[in-house]
């Protein structure tokens, strides 16, 4: 029974988790400019009276959705959504916010972060294919199976998975610190203005939740791949 569960986890569950992790990471990377424009973002600025009246009630106003590749905004709750062009060095369009809002605090991180994220995602995608192929090598004929069973192939797959995981999660951690600080400073600036401040509030958004789930899933096939590599190298 244990052998059957181990086989099922390696052959079927791990590739599914890897694919799910890649999809969630890609959505977090591409949103909100290319997909899920007002549904997923790294940081959002939305209408709220919490900071200026110490109470929250429904209010109409501008909204801003920031991501790795750019931003989307709308002037009011039922207004049209406008997105910037996707780029690795985005300049967020904050023109929808009132002039009293601390716009300068909502800046994009350095260009290196999106680039490294792209590299990490590329490694993860290649790892998904190499891990899946090597897992099903026994169904590809003796010659192909012998080739995929070589330590070099196993080692390459494991290293790709490791680099994809480390580069990706490190880049997202940097983004979390960057946007977390931006949200705190933005809210503090509005609070200092008192009741005359704009009725807005900033906060890190659901893209980070998707990322943490993605890399939790990603850890399963990565551990399996590293374990297989360890067994291979100790024979």
C-alpha atoms as a PDB file:
ATOM      1  CA  UNK A   1       0.000   0.000   0.000  1.00  0.00           C
ATOM      2  CA  UNK A   2       2.815   2.411   0.911  1.00  0.00           C
ATOM      3  CA  UNK A   3       4.582   1.604  -2.357  1.00  0.00           C
ATOM      4  CA  UNK A   4       1.372   2.316  -4.266  1.00  0.00           C
ATOM      5  CA  UNK A   5       0.880   5.661  -2.523  1.00  0.00           C
ATOM      6  CA  UNK A   6       4.503   6.592  -3.183  1.00  0.00           C
ATOM      7  CA  UNK A   7       4.128   5.731  -6.863  1.00  0.00           C
ATOM      8  CA  UNK A   8       0.882   7.700  -7.163  1.00  0.00           C
ATOM      9  CA  UNK A   9       2.404  10.748  -5.467  1.00  0.00           C
ATOM     10  CA  UNK A  10       5.450  10.698  -7.742  1.00  0.00           C
ATOM     11  CA  UNK A  11       3.733   9.900 -11.038  1.00  0.00           C
ATOM     12  CA  UNK A  12       0.475  11.826 -10.759  1.00  0.00           C
ATOM     13  CA  UNK A  13       0.204  14.139  -7.744  1.00  0.00           C
ATOM     14  CA  UNK A  14       3.608  15.824  -8.068  1.00  0.00           C
ATOM     15  CA  UNK A  15       3.212  16.861 -11.745  1.00  0.00           C
ATOM     16  CA  UNK A  16      -0.282  18.192 -11.025  1.00  0.00           C
ATOM     17  CA  UNK A  17       1.030  20.238  -8.097  1.00  0.00           C
ATOM     18  CA  UNK A  18       3.880  21.558 -10.247  1.00  0.00           C
ATOM     19  CA  UNK A  19       1.503  22.615 -13.002  1.00  0.00           C
ATOM     20  CA  UNK A  20      -0.810  24.283 -10.476  1.00  0.00           C
ATOM     21  CA  UNK A  21       2.132  26.142  -8.947  1.00  0.00           C
ATOM     22  CA  UNK A  22       3.243  27.391 -12.369  1.00  0.00           C
ATOM     23  CA  UNK A  23      -0.265  28.596 -13.276  1.00  0.00           C
ATOM     24  CA  UNK A  24      -0.673  30.463  -9.971  1.00  0.00           C
ATOM     25  CA  UNK A  25       2.803  32.021 -10.280  1.00  0.00           C
ATOM     26  CA  UNK A  26       2.151  33.095 -13.880  1.00  0.00           C
ATOM     27  CA  UNK A  27      -1.162  34.697 -12.947  1.00  0.00           C
ATOM     28  CA  UNK A  28       0.528  36.610 -10.129  1.00  0.00           C
ATOM     29  CA  UNK A  29       3.278  37.690 -12.526  1.00  0.00           C
ATOM     30  CA  UNK A  30       1.014  38.787 -15.397  1.00  0.00           C
ATOM     31  CA  UNK A  31      -1.795  40.376 -13.366  1.00  0.00           C
ATOM     32  CA  UNK A  32      -3.290  42.913 -13.459  1.00  0.00           C
ATOM     33  CA  UNK A  33      -2.048  44.290 -16.799  1.00  0.00           C
ATOM     34  CA  UNK A  34      -2.533  41.191 -18.959  1.00  0.00           C
ATOM     35  CA  UNK A  35      -5.037  39.076 -17.003  1.00  0.00           C
ATOM     36  CA  UNK A  36      -7.514  39.430 -14.116  1.00  0.00           C
ATOM     37  CA  UNK A  37      -7.268  43.222 -14.316  1.00  0.00           C
ATOM     38  CA  UNK A  38      -9.239  44.118 -11.185  1.00  0.00           C
ATOM     39  CA  UNK A  39      -9.216  40.686  -9.545  1.00  0.00           C
ATOM     40  CA  UNK A  40      -5.532  39.998  -8.783  1.00  0.00           C
ATOM     41  CA  UNK A  41      -2.780  42.463  -7.866  1.00  0.00           C
ATOM     42  CA  UNK A  42       0.267  42.802  -5.657  1.00  0.00           C
ATOM     43  CA  UNK A  43      -0.946  46.075  -4.141  1.00  0.00           C
ATOM     44  CA  UNK A  44      -4.304  47.809  -4.312  1.00  0.00           C
ATOM     45  CA  UNK A  45      -5.460  51.314  -3.476  1.00  0.00           C
ATOM     46  CA  UNK A  46      -9.211  51.393  -2.929  1.00  0.00           C
ATOM     47  CA  UNK A  47     -11.818  53.886  -1.643  1.00  0.00           C
ATOM     48  CA  UNK A  48     -12.207  53.760   2.140  1.00  0.00           C
ATOM     49  CA  UNK A  49     -12.909  56.108   5.037  1.00  0.00           C
ATOM     50  CA  UNK A  50     -10.992  54.023   7.573  1.00  0.00           C
ATOM     51  CA  UNK A  51      -7.918  56.255   7.669  1.00  0.00           C
ATOM     52  CA  UNK A  52      -9.666  59.643   7.738  1.00  0.00           C
ATOM     53  CA  UNK A  53     -12.745  58.952   9.857  1.00  0.00           C
ATOM     54  CA  UNK A  54     -11.640  55.947  11.954  1.00  0.00           C
ATOM     55  CA  UNK A  55     -14.647  54.094  10.548  1.00  0.00           C
ATOM     56  CA  UNK A  56     -15.324  52.293   7.330  1.00  0.00           C
ATOM     57  CA  UNK A  57     -18.375  52.714   5.144  1.00  0.00           C
ATOM     58  CA  UNK A  58     -19.065  52.418   1.435  1.00  0.00           C
ATOM     59  CA  UNK A  59     -17.587  55.260  -0.576  1.00  0.00           C
ATOM     60  CA  UNK A  60     -17.111  55.911  -4.271  1.00  0.00           C
ATOM     61  CA  UNK A  61     -13.676  56.829  -5.541  1.00  0.00           C
ATOM     62  CA  UNK A  62     -10.654  55.828  -7.598  1.00  0.00           C
ATOM     63  CA  UNK A  63      -9.022  52.409  -7.442  1.00  0.00           C
ATOM     64  CA  UNK A  64      -5.515  51.368  -8.375  1.00  0.00           C
ATOM     65  CA  UNK A  65      -4.151  47.855  -8.982  1.00  0.00           C
ATOM     66  CA  UNK A  66      -0.377  47.410  -9.112  1.00  0.00           C
ATOM     67  CA  UNK A  67       1.543  44.417 -10.448  1.00  0.00           C
ATOM     68  CA  UNK A  68       4.970  43.332 -11.622  1.00  0.00           C
ATOM     69  CA  UNK A  69       4.500  44.469 -15.225  1.00  0.00           C
ATOM     70  CA  UNK A  70       2.330  47.563 -14.759  1.00  0.00           C
ATOM     71  CA  UNK A  71      -0.880  48.908 -13.278  1.00  0.00           C
ATOM     72  CA  UNK A  72      -4.602  49.266 -13.884  1.00  0.00           C
ATOM     73  CA  UNK A  73      -6.839  52.022 -12.573  1.00  0.00           C
ATOM     74  CA  UNK A  74     -10.366  53.370 -12.695  1.00  0.00           C
ATOM     75  CA  UNK A  75     -11.673  56.799 -11.615  1.00  0.00           C
ATOM     76  CA  UNK A  76     -14.655  55.450  -9.658  1.00  0.00           C
ATOM     77  CA  UNK A  77     -16.245  52.173  -8.618  1.00  0.00           C
ATOM     78  CA  UNK A  78     -18.235  51.714 -11.818  1.00  0.00           C
ATOM     79  CA  UNK A  79     -15.756  53.496 -14.086  1.00  0.00           C
ATOM     80  CA  UNK A  80     -13.868  52.026 -17.011  1.00  0.00           C
ATOM     81  CA  UNK A  81     -10.651  50.194 -16.216  1.00  0.00           C
ATOM     82  CA  UNK A  82      -7.473  51.494 -17.867  1.00  0.00           C
ATOM     83  CA  UNK A  83      -4.232  49.498 -17.895  1.00  0.00           C
ATOM     84  CA  UNK A  84      -0.693  50.462 -18.819  1.00  0.00           C
ATOM     85  CA  UNK A  85       1.327  48.560 -21.402  1.00  0.00           C
ATOM     86  CA  UNK A  86       3.191  45.571 -19.917  1.00  0.00           C
ATOM     87  CA  UNK A  87       6.903  46.203 -19.409  1.00  0.00           C
ATOM     88  CA  UNK A  88       9.749  44.954 -17.222  1.00  0.00           C
ATOM     89  CA  UNK A  89      10.355  48.509 -16.007  1.00  0.00           C
ATOM     90  CA  UNK A  90       6.829  49.839 -15.429  1.00  0.00           C
ATOM     91  CA  UNK A  91       5.847  53.393 -14.585  1.00  0.00           C
ATOM     92  CA  UNK A  92       2.581  53.099 -12.699  1.00  0.00           C
ATOM     93  CA  UNK A  93      -0.269  55.304 -13.884  1.00  0.00           C
ATOM     94  CA  UNK A  94      -1.512  56.983 -10.695  1.00  0.00           C
ATOM     95  CA  UNK A  95      -3.326  59.840 -12.437  1.00  0.00           C
ATOM     96  CA  UNK A  96      -6.712  58.536 -11.223  1.00  0.00           C
ATOM     97  CA  UNK A  97      -5.752  59.324  -7.619  1.00  0.00           C
ATOM     98  CA  UNK A  98      -6.483  62.803  -6.218  1.00  0.00           C
ATOM     99  CA  UNK A  99      -3.643  65.300  -5.993  1.00  0.00           C
ATOM    100  CA  UNK A 100      -3.613  65.043  -2.185  1.00  0.00           C
ATOM    101  CA  UNK A 101      -2.757  61.331  -2.351  1.00  0.00           C
ATOM    102  CA  UNK A 102       0.942  60.467  -1.833  1.00  0.00           C
ATOM    103  CA  UNK A 103       1.443  59.255  -5.417  1.00  0.00           C
ATOM    104  CA  UNK A 104       5.240  59.226  -5.308  1.00  0.00           C
ATOM    105  CA  UNK A 105       5.183  56.418  -2.739  1.00  0.00           C
ATOM    106  CA  UNK A 106       3.631  54.045  -5.305  1.00  0.00           C
ATOM    107  CA  UNK A 107       6.672  53.260  -7.419  1.00  0.00           C
ATOM    108  CA  UNK A 108       7.761  50.049  -9.109  1.00  0.00           C
ATOM    109  CA  UNK A 109      10.764  48.028  -7.917  1.00  0.00           C
ATOM    110  CA  UNK A 110      13.942  47.875  -9.981  1.00  0.00           C
ATOM    111  CA  UNK A 111      13.879  46.200 -13.374  1.00  0.00           C
ATOM    112  CA  UNK A 112      16.004  43.332 -12.044  1.00  0.00           C
ATOM    113  CA  UNK A 113      13.125  41.935  -9.976  1.00  0.00           C
ATOM    114  CA  UNK A 114      10.744  41.212 -12.884  1.00  0.00           C
ATOM    115  CA  UNK A 115      13.672  39.838 -14.901  1.00  0.00           C
ATOM    116  CA  UNK A 116      14.681  37.418 -12.154  1.00  0.00           C
ATOM    117  CA  UNK A 117      11.051  36.445 -11.693  1.00  0.00           C
ATOM    118  CA  UNK A 118      10.849  35.626 -15.391  1.00  0.00           C
ATOM    119  CA  UNK A 119      14.009  33.525 -15.150  1.00  0.00           C
ATOM    120  CA  UNK A 120      12.623  31.684 -12.134  1.00  0.00           C
ATOM    121  CA  UNK A 121       9.341  30.978 -13.919  1.00  0.00           C
ATOM    122  CA  UNK A 122      11.207  29.746 -17.010  1.00  0.00           C
ATOM    123  CA  UNK A 123      13.240  27.327 -14.873  1.00  0.00           C
ATOM    124  CA  UNK A 124      10.041  26.142 -13.189  1.00  0.00           C
ATOM    125  CA  UNK A 125       8.337  25.458 -16.518  1.00  0.00           C
ATOM    126  CA  UNK A 126      11.327  23.481 -17.816  1.00  0.00           C
ATOM    127  CA  UNK A 127      11.469  21.607 -14.515  1.00  0.00           C
ATOM    128  CA  UNK A 128       7.816  20.647 -14.916  1.00  0.00           C
ATOM    129  CA  UNK A 129       8.512  19.004 -18.282  1.00  0.00           C
ATOM    130  CA  UNK A 130      11.758  17.313 -17.219  1.00  0.00           C
ATOM    131  CA  UNK A 131      10.270  16.059 -13.965  1.00  0.00           C
ATOM    132  CA  UNK A 132       7.159  14.695 -15.687  1.00  0.00           C
ATOM    133  CA  UNK A 133       9.147  13.042 -18.486  1.00  0.00           C
ATOM    134  CA  UNK A 134      11.634  11.407 -16.130  1.00  0.00           C
ATOM    135  CA  UNK A 135       8.804  10.218 -13.898  1.00  0.00           C
ATOM    136  CA  UNK A 136       7.153   8.434 -16.850  1.00  0.00           C
ATOM    137  CA  UNK A 137      10.415   7.271 -18.447  1.00  0.00           C
ATOM    138  CA  UNK A 138       9.481   3.618 -17.888  1.00  0.00           C
ATOM    139  CA  UNK A 139       6.686   4.019 -20.456  1.00  0.00           C
ATOM    140  CA  UNK A 140       8.888   5.452 -23.223  1.00  0.00           C
ATOM    141  CA  UNK A 141      10.768   2.422 -24.402  1.00  0.00           C
ATOM    142  CA  UNK A 142      14.038   0.910 -23.234  1.00  0.00           C
ATOM    143  CA  UNK A 143      16.346   3.279 -25.120  1.00  0.00           C
ATOM    144  CA  UNK A 144      14.599   6.462 -24.013  1.00  0.00           C
ATOM    145  CA  UNK A 145      14.185   5.105 -20.486  1.00  0.00           C
ATOM    146  CA  UNK A 146      17.914   4.375 -20.265  1.00  0.00           C
ATOM    147  CA  UNK A 147      18.738   7.898 -21.444  1.00  0.00           C
ATOM    148  CA  UNK A 148      16.377   9.576 -18.976  1.00  0.00           C
ATOM    149  CA  UNK A 149      17.667   7.363 -16.169  1.00  0.00           C
ATOM    150  CA  UNK A 150      21.186   8.760 -16.438  1.00  0.00           C
ATOM    151  CA  UNK A 151      22.406  10.699 -13.359  1.00  0.00           C
ATOM    152  CA  UNK A 152      23.160  13.760 -15.506  1.00  0.00           C
ATOM    153  CA  UNK A 153      19.523  14.069 -16.590  1.00  0.00           C
ATOM    154  CA  UNK A 154      18.265  13.595 -13.031  1.00  0.00           C
ATOM    155  CA  UNK A 155      20.775  16.128 -11.759  1.00  0.00           C
ATOM    156  CA  UNK A 156      19.854  18.692 -14.419  1.00  0.00           C
ATOM    157  CA  UNK A 157      16.147  18.371 -13.634  1.00  0.00           C
ATOM    158  CA  UNK A 158      16.737  18.743  -9.897  1.00  0.00           C
ATOM    159  CA  UNK A 159      18.951  21.809 -10.332  1.00  0.00           C
ATOM    160  CA  UNK A 160      16.414  23.472 -12.630  1.00  0.00           C
ATOM    161  CA  UNK A 161      13.719  22.908 -10.026  1.00  0.00           C
ATOM    162  CA  UNK A 162      15.921  24.213  -7.240  1.00  0.00           C
ATOM    163  CA  UNK A 163      16.927  27.371  -9.106  1.00  0.00           C
ATOM    164  CA  UNK A 164      13.328  28.004 -10.195  1.00  0.00           C
ATOM    165  CA  UNK A 165      12.131  27.709  -6.600  1.00  0.00           C
ATOM    166  CA  UNK A 166      14.861  29.837  -5.006  1.00  0.00           C
ATOM    167  CA  UNK A 167      14.893  32.598  -7.621  1.00  0.00           C
ATOM    168  CA  UNK A 168      11.096  32.787  -7.735  1.00  0.00           C
ATOM    169  CA  UNK A 169      10.358  32.820  -4.022  1.00  0.00           C
ATOM    170  CA  UNK A 170      13.249  35.200  -3.270  1.00  0.00           C
ATOM    171  CA  UNK A 171      11.997  37.663  -5.901  1.00  0.00           C
ATOM    172  CA  UNK A 172       8.446  37.515  -4.545  1.00  0.00           C
ATOM    173  CA  UNK A 173       9.727  38.016  -0.998  1.00  0.00           C
ATOM    174  CA  UNK A 174      11.525  41.165  -2.164  1.00  0.00           C
ATOM    175  CA  UNK A 175       8.306  42.343  -3.816  1.00  0.00           C
ATOM    176  CA  UNK A 176       6.378  41.637  -0.603  1.00  0.00           C
ATOM    177  CA  UNK A 177       8.744  43.806   1.417  1.00  0.00           C
ATOM    178  CA  UNK A 178       8.717  46.537  -1.243  1.00  0.00           C
ATOM    179  CA  UNK A 179       4.947  46.780  -1.593  1.00  0.00           C
ATOM    180  CA  UNK A 180       4.351  46.230   2.124  1.00  0.00           C
ATOM    181  CA  UNK A 181       6.529  49.254   2.889  1.00  0.00           C
ATOM    182  CA  UNK A 182       4.822  51.277   0.136  1.00  0.00           C
ATOM    183  CA  UNK A 183       1.360  50.474   1.534  1.00  0.00           C
ATOM    184  CA  UNK A 184       2.386  51.354   5.101  1.00  0.00           C
ATOM    185  CA  UNK A 185       3.943  54.671   4.032  1.00  0.00           C
ATOM    186  CA  UNK A 186       0.949  55.513   1.826  1.00  0.00           C
ATOM    187  CA  UNK A 187      -1.517  54.913   4.646  1.00  0.00           C
ATOM    188  CA  UNK A 188       0.632  56.769   7.179  1.00  0.00           C
ATOM    189  CA  UNK A 189       0.769  59.801   4.882  1.00  0.00           C
ATOM    190  CA  UNK A 190      -3.026  59.854   4.539  1.00  0.00           C
ATOM    191  CA  UNK A 191      -3.496  59.428   8.295  1.00  0.00           C
ATOM    192  CA  UNK A 192      -1.256  62.462   8.923  1.00  0.00           C
ATOM    193  CA  UNK A 193      -3.585  64.599   6.790  1.00  0.00           C
ATOM    194  CA  UNK A 194      -6.492  63.876   9.142  1.00  0.00           C
ATOM    195  CA  UNK A 195     -10.054  64.393   7.944  1.00  0.00           C
ATOM    196  CA  UNK A 196      -8.801  66.429   4.971  1.00  0.00           C
ATOM    197  CA  UNK A 197      -6.975  63.431   3.553  1.00  0.00           C
ATOM    198  CA  UNK A 198      -8.231  61.452   0.567  1.00  0.00           C
ATOM    199  CA  UNK A 199     -10.655  58.636   1.301  1.00  0.00           C
ATOM    200  CA  UNK A 200      -8.282  55.880   0.212  1.00  0.00           C
ATOM    201  CA  UNK A 201      -6.452  52.940   1.726  1.00  0.00           C
ATOM    202  CA  UNK A 202      -3.597  50.836   0.356  1.00  0.00           C
ATOM    203  CA  UNK A 203      -2.787  47.234   1.116  1.00  0.00           C
ATOM    204  CA  UNK A 204      -0.911  44.235  -0.254  1.00  0.00           C
ATOM    205  CA  UNK A 205      -3.339  42.081  -2.187  1.00  0.00           C
ATOM    206  CA  UNK A 206      -4.258  38.526  -3.098  1.00  0.00           C
ATOM    207  CA  UNK A 207      -1.463  37.911  -5.616  1.00  0.00           C
ATOM    208  CA  UNK A 208       0.877  37.204  -2.711  1.00  0.00           C
ATOM    209  CA  UNK A 209      -1.536  34.635  -1.279  1.00  0.00           C
ATOM    210  CA  UNK A 210      -1.526  32.887  -4.649  1.00  0.00           C
ATOM    211  CA  UNK A 211       2.273  32.949  -4.662  1.00  0.00           C
ATOM    212  CA  UNK A 212       2.637  31.371  -1.217  1.00  0.00           C
ATOM    213  CA  UNK A 213       0.192  28.621  -2.200  1.00  0.00           C
ATOM    214  CA  UNK A 214       2.076  28.109  -5.476  1.00  0.00           C
ATOM    215  CA  UNK A 215       5.459  27.642  -3.838  1.00  0.00           C
ATOM    216  CA  UNK A 216       3.996  25.389  -1.161  1.00  0.00           C
ATOM    217  CA  UNK A 217       2.801  23.133  -3.983  1.00  0.00           C
ATOM    218  CA  UNK A 218       6.106  23.508  -5.805  1.00  0.00           C
ATOM    219  CA  UNK A 219       8.030  22.236  -2.768  1.00  0.00           C
ATOM    220  CA  UNK A 220       6.510  18.742  -3.105  1.00  0.00           C
ATOM    221  CA  UNK A 221       7.925  17.805  -6.550  1.00  0.00           C
ATOM    222  CA  UNK A 222      11.157  19.597  -5.753  1.00  0.00           C
ATOM    223  CA  UNK A 223      11.713  17.483  -2.632  1.00  0.00           C
ATOM    224  CA  UNK A 224      10.868  14.336  -4.604  1.00  0.00           C
ATOM    225  CA  UNK A 225      13.347  15.319  -7.322  1.00  0.00           C
ATOM    226  CA  UNK A 226      16.113  16.063  -4.821  1.00  0.00           C
ATOM    227  CA  UNK A 227      15.409  12.783  -3.026  1.00  0.00           C
ATOM    228  CA  UNK A 228      15.702  10.822  -6.273  1.00  0.00           C
ATOM    229  CA  UNK A 229      18.962  12.631  -7.004  1.00  0.00           C
ATOM    230  CA  UNK A 230      20.294  11.743  -3.565  1.00  0.00           C
ATOM    231  CA  UNK A 231      19.422   8.087  -4.036  1.00  0.00           C
ATOM    232  CA  UNK A 232      21.032   8.052  -7.492  1.00  0.00           C
ATOM    233  CA  UNK A 233      24.282   9.645  -6.363  1.00  0.00           C
ATOM    234  CA  UNK A 234      24.668   7.347  -3.351  1.00  0.00           C
ATOM    235  CA  UNK A 235      24.357   4.102  -5.315  1.00  0.00           C
END
